[in-house]
Amino acid sequence: MQGGEIFRILRQEGKFPNDVALFYITEIVLSIEYLHSIDIVYRDIKPENILIASDGHVKLTDFGFAKRVTERTFTMCGTPEYLAPEIIFSTGHTLGVDWWAIGVLLYEMVSGYPPFYDDNVLELYRKITVGKYEFGKGLTSSLKSLVSGLLEQDITKRLGCTNEGPSAIKKHSWFSGVDWAEVTRKEIPPPWAPDPQDPLDSSNYDKYEDVQLSDELPEEKDFKLFDDF
């Protein structure tokens, strides 16, 4: 995966033009559609977990929160900014949380920041559960419509969760002109592809200093998420 993380590119560019976001989102939609077809919910969609291969196409990584789900599951997991309301409320969630997260990801790609953000995690969760977000200038009406459909609080009305399933997303006007068969065959030219010097070239990844881990166990503390919520 010599292209590194989408996160790194997004941070460098600030935000993506419509056509670049379209390329990446189409491939991510197909990846999630496949996982759902075998009853696997991914639960950790975010730019850090989307890698770019040497051919410029995307790969999902980090399946630590993935789970086979045929009905509902109640595990509180994921990255706060991308959590669907039903995860926060602990009412049980299904595959639909991934479509919500794709809505968050698409918004972030075209805006440069996520729709829900706050330094206080409880305030962040409040914004998510009441659907408090605004669109910036310059976004097309079809893109806004798609994001709004994915960030639908009512799971029965959320795009991807109705009787039409993922086809409701793929038929949306924002994807007008997309040949999904060509996307599946990876025939759409990527907006960027790395030029690796060798198979182990990691130059497109951020480098971090080694951290010395302590042998001491941290002090145990009780943590109740919703005491002040």
Protein backbone atom coordinates (compact mmCIF):
# COMPACT_ATOMS: atom_id res chain seq x y z
CA MET A 1 0.00 0.00 0.00
CA GLN A 2 2.72 2.43 -1.03
CA GLY A 3 0.36 5.38 -1.46
CA GLY A 4 -0.15 5.78 2.26
CA GLU A 5 -3.33 6.96 3.98
CA ILE A 6 -6.09 9.07 2.47
CA PHE A 7 -5.74 11.04 5.73
CA ARG A 8 -2.26 12.22 4.77
CA ILE A 9 -3.32 13.36 1.30
CA LEU A 10 -6.42 15.08 2.63
CA ARG A 11 -4.34 16.90 5.21
CA GLN A 12 -1.91 18.05 2.52
CA GLU A 13 -4.61 19.18 0.08
CA GLY A 14 -7.00 20.63 2.65
CA LYS A 15 -10.00 19.20 0.82
CA PHE A 16 -10.75 17.28 -2.36
CA PRO A 17 -12.38 18.54 -5.55
CA ASN A 18 -15.69 16.88 -6.36
CA ASP A 19 -14.22 14.45 -8.92
CA VAL A 20 -11.48 13.26 -6.56
CA ALA A 21 -13.95 12.66 -3.73
CA LEU A 22 -16.21 10.87 -6.22
CA PHE A 23 -13.44 8.47 -7.23
CA TYR A 24 -12.57 7.48 -3.68
CA ILE A 25 -16.15 7.31 -2.38
CA THR A 26 -17.29 5.03 -5.22
CA GLU A 27 -14.60 2.50 -4.37
CA ILE A 28 -15.35 2.73 -0.65
CA VAL A 29 -19.07 2.24 -1.28
CA LEU A 30 -18.34 -0.95 -3.22
CA SER A 31 -16.03 -2.19 -0.45
CA ILE A 32 -18.70 -1.67 2.20
CA GLU A 33 -21.38 -3.16 -0.04
CA TYR A 34 -19.30 -6.32 -0.34
CA LEU A 35 -18.69 -6.57 3.40
CA HIS A 36 -22.41 -6.13 4.07
CA SER A 37 -23.24 -8.84 1.54
CA ILE A 38 -21.46 -11.30 3.85
CA ASP A 39 -23.01 -9.76 7.00
CA ILE A 40 -19.89 -7.94 8.17
CA VAL A 41 -20.17 -4.44 9.63
CA TYR A 42 -16.89 -2.52 9.39
CA ARG A 43 -17.44 0.20 12.05
CA ASP A 44 -14.26 2.21 11.61
CA ILE A 45 -14.51 4.21 8.41
CA LYS A 46 -12.15 7.20 8.57
CA PRO A 47 -9.37 8.63 6.37
CA GLU A 48 -6.65 6.95 8.46
CA ASN A 49 -8.04 3.49 7.62
CA ILE A 50 -8.22 3.98 3.85
CA LEU A 51 -4.93 3.23 2.12
CA ILE A 52 -3.88 3.83 -1.46
CA ALA A 53 -2.24 0.95 -3.28
CA SER A 54 0.59 1.30 -5.79
CA ASP A 55 -2.00 1.44 -8.61
CA GLY A 56 -3.82 4.38 -6.99
CA HIS A 57 -6.91 2.43 -5.95
CA VAL A 58 -8.06 2.21 -2.34
CA LYS A 59 -7.95 -0.54 0.25
CA LEU A 60 -9.71 -0.66 3.61
CA THR A 61 -7.49 -1.64 6.52
CA ASP A 62 -7.78 -2.16 10.28
CA PHE A 63 -10.65 -4.58 10.80
CA GLY A 64 -10.32 -4.49 14.58
CA PHE A 65 -13.93 -3.31 15.03
CA ALA A 66 -15.40 -5.41 12.21
CA LYS A 67 -18.00 -7.97 13.23
CA ARG A 68 -20.42 -10.42 11.65
CA VAL A 69 -23.90 -9.11 12.42
CA THR A 70 -27.18 -10.65 11.31
CA GLU A 71 -29.49 -8.76 13.66
CA ARG A 72 -28.26 -6.09 16.10
CA THR A 73 -25.13 -5.59 18.15
CA PHE A 74 -24.58 -3.27 21.12
CA THR A 75 -20.82 -2.76 21.32
CA MET A 76 -19.76 0.86 21.83
CA CYS A 77 -16.81 1.16 19.44
CA GLY A 78 -15.43 3.30 16.65
CA THR A 79 -13.96 6.79 16.26
CA PRO A 80 -16.08 9.47 17.99
CA GLU A 81 -16.51 11.85 15.02
CA TYR A 82 -17.81 8.98 12.86
CA LEU A 83 -20.19 7.29 15.29
CA ALA A 84 -23.81 6.93 14.23
CA PRO A 85 -26.47 8.08 16.73
CA GLU A 86 -27.65 4.54 17.42
CA ILE A 87 -24.16 3.57 18.62
CA ILE A 88 -24.06 6.53 21.01
CA PHE A 89 -27.53 5.76 22.35
CA SER A 90 -26.60 2.06 22.78
CA THR A 91 -29.97 1.03 21.38
CA GLY A 92 -28.38 -1.58 19.17
CA HIS A 93 -26.98 -1.05 15.72
CA THR A 94 -26.72 -2.89 12.42
CA LEU A 95 -24.88 -2.51 9.12
CA GLY A 96 -26.36 0.98 8.70
CA VAL A 97 -23.68 2.59 10.87
CA ASP A 98 -21.22 2.20 7.99
CA TRP A 99 -23.41 4.25 5.63
CA TRP A 100 -23.61 6.99 8.25
CA ALA A 101 -19.80 6.98 8.52
CA ILE A 102 -19.47 7.25 4.73
CA GLY A 103 -21.63 10.37 4.95
CA VAL A 104 -19.22 11.81 7.52
CA LEU A 105 -16.24 10.84 5.35
CA LEU A 106 -17.71 12.40 2.20
CA TYR A 107 -18.46 15.64 4.05
CA GLU A 108 -14.89 15.71 5.38
CA MET A 109 -13.40 15.04 1.95
CA VAL A 110 -15.15 17.98 0.29
CA SER A 111 -15.05 20.36 3.27
CA GLY A 112 -11.70 19.59 4.89
CA TYR A 113 -13.25 18.97 8.30
CA PRO A 114 -15.89 16.59 9.71
CA PRO A 115 -19.54 17.66 10.06
CA PHE A 116 -19.53 17.01 13.80
CA TYR A 117 -16.66 18.21 15.94
CA ASP A 118 -16.07 19.41 19.48
CA ASP A 119 -13.16 19.23 21.93
CA ASN A 120 -15.62 17.93 24.52
CA VAL A 121 -16.61 14.40 23.56
CA LEU A 122 -20.00 14.62 25.27
CA GLU A 123 -20.81 17.81 23.35
CA LEU A 124 -19.65 16.06 20.18
CA TYR A 125 -22.06 13.21 20.89
CA ARG A 126 -24.85 15.70 21.53
CA LYS A 127 -24.26 17.32 18.13
CA ILE A 128 -24.33 13.91 16.45
CA THR A 129 -27.52 12.77 18.14
CA VAL A 130 -29.40 15.97 17.27
CA GLY A 131 -27.91 16.10 13.76
CA LYS A 132 -26.33 19.52 14.21
CA TYR A 133 -24.14 20.36 11.21
CA GLU A 134 -24.00 22.93 8.42
CA PHE A 135 -22.80 22.84 4.83
CA GLY A 136 -20.06 25.16 3.66
CA LYS A 137 -20.24 27.25 0.50
CA GLY A 138 -19.62 25.86 -2.97
CA LEU A 139 -21.10 22.39 -2.49
CA THR A 140 -23.53 21.16 -5.11
CA SER A 141 -27.15 20.43 -4.26
CA SER A 142 -26.73 16.78 -5.26
CA LEU A 143 -23.76 16.36 -2.92
CA LYS A 144 -25.68 17.97 -0.07
CA SER A 145 -28.60 15.66 -0.80
CA LEU A 146 -26.38 12.58 -0.66
CA VAL A 147 -24.69 13.63 2.59
CA SER A 148 -28.06 14.44 4.15
CA GLY A 149 -29.42 11.06 3.08
CA LEU A 150 -26.47 9.25 4.65
CA LEU A 151 -26.55 11.36 7.81
CA GLU A 152 -30.22 10.54 8.37
CA GLN A 153 -31.01 10.04 12.05
CA ASP A 154 -33.90 7.69 11.30
CA ILE A 155 -32.25 4.39 10.38
CA THR A 156 -35.34 3.30 8.41
CA LYS A 157 -34.91 6.31 6.09
CA ARG A 158 -31.10 6.40 5.86
CA LEU A 159 -29.67 5.80 2.41
CA GLY A 160 -28.37 2.24 2.21
CA CYS A 161 -30.74 1.05 4.94
CA THR A 162 -34.05 1.10 3.10
CA ASN A 163 -35.50 -1.82 1.16
CA GLU A 164 -33.41 -0.75 -1.85
CA GLY A 165 -30.20 -1.31 0.09
CA PRO A 166 -26.94 0.07 -1.35
CA SER A 167 -28.55 0.51 -4.78
CA ALA A 168 -30.33 3.61 -3.42
CA ILE A 169 -26.90 5.14 -2.82
CA LYS A 170 -25.48 4.07 -6.18
CA LYS A 171 -28.49 5.50 -8.03
CA HIS A 172 -28.19 8.90 -6.33
CA SER A 173 -27.76 11.87 -8.65
CA TRP A 174 -24.29 12.65 -7.26
CA PHE A 175 -23.10 9.42 -8.85
CA SER A 176 -24.72 10.29 -12.18
CA GLY A 177 -22.55 8.99 -15.00
CA VAL A 178 -20.68 6.49 -12.81
CA ASP A 179 -20.35 3.07 -14.42
CA TRP A 180 -20.26 0.87 -11.32
CA ALA A 181 -19.11 -2.15 -13.31
CA GLU A 182 -16.05 -0.17 -14.44
CA VAL A 183 -15.42 0.91 -10.85
CA THR A 184 -15.55 -2.75 -9.77
CA ARG A 185 -13.02 -3.69 -12.44
CA LYS A 186 -10.83 -0.73 -11.38
CA GLU A 187 -10.97 0.72 -14.88
CA ILE A 188 -11.46 4.33 -13.75
CA PRO A 189 -8.09 6.15 -13.74
CA PRO A 190 -7.19 7.22 -10.19
CA PRO A 191 -6.53 10.91 -9.48
CA TRP A 192 -3.09 10.04 -8.12
CA ALA A 193 -0.84 6.99 -7.90
CA PRO A 194 2.44 6.69 -6.01
CA ASP A 195 5.76 6.04 -7.70
CA PRO A 196 7.33 3.52 -5.31
CA GLN A 197 11.05 2.94 -5.57
CA ASP A 198 10.69 -0.63 -4.29
CA PRO A 199 7.97 -2.91 -2.84
CA LEU A 200 8.77 -1.78 0.70
CA ASP A 201 8.83 1.96 -0.08
CA SER A 202 7.09 3.70 2.86
CA SER A 203 7.90 7.29 1.94
CA ASN A 204 4.20 8.20 1.71
CA TYR A 205 3.61 7.36 5.37
CA ASP A 206 4.19 9.73 8.24
CA LYS A 207 7.10 8.79 10.46
CA TYR A 208 6.79 8.71 14.23
CA GLU A 209 9.41 8.41 16.92
CA ASP A 210 9.46 5.19 18.88
CA VAL A 211 7.61 5.47 22.16
CA GLN A 212 9.01 3.76 25.23
CA LEU A 213 6.13 1.97 26.92
CA SER A 214 6.04 1.78 30.70
CA ASP A 215 6.03 -1.60 32.41
CA GLU A 216 3.72 -0.20 35.08
CA LEU A 217 0.01 -0.77 34.75
CA PRO A 218 -2.13 2.39 34.77
CA GLU A 219 -4.21 3.11 37.83
CA GLU A 220 -7.71 1.71 37.44
CA LYS A 221 -10.43 4.33 37.25
CA ASP A 222 -14.17 4.01 36.80
CA PHE A 223 -15.42 5.59 33.60
CA LYS A 224 -19.10 6.11 32.91
CA LEU A 225 -19.72 7.66 29.52
CA PHE A 226 -23.16 9.11 30.09
CA ASP A 227 -22.95 10.51 33.66
CA ASP A 228 -23.17 14.08 32.32
CA PHE A 229 -24.86 13.40 29.00
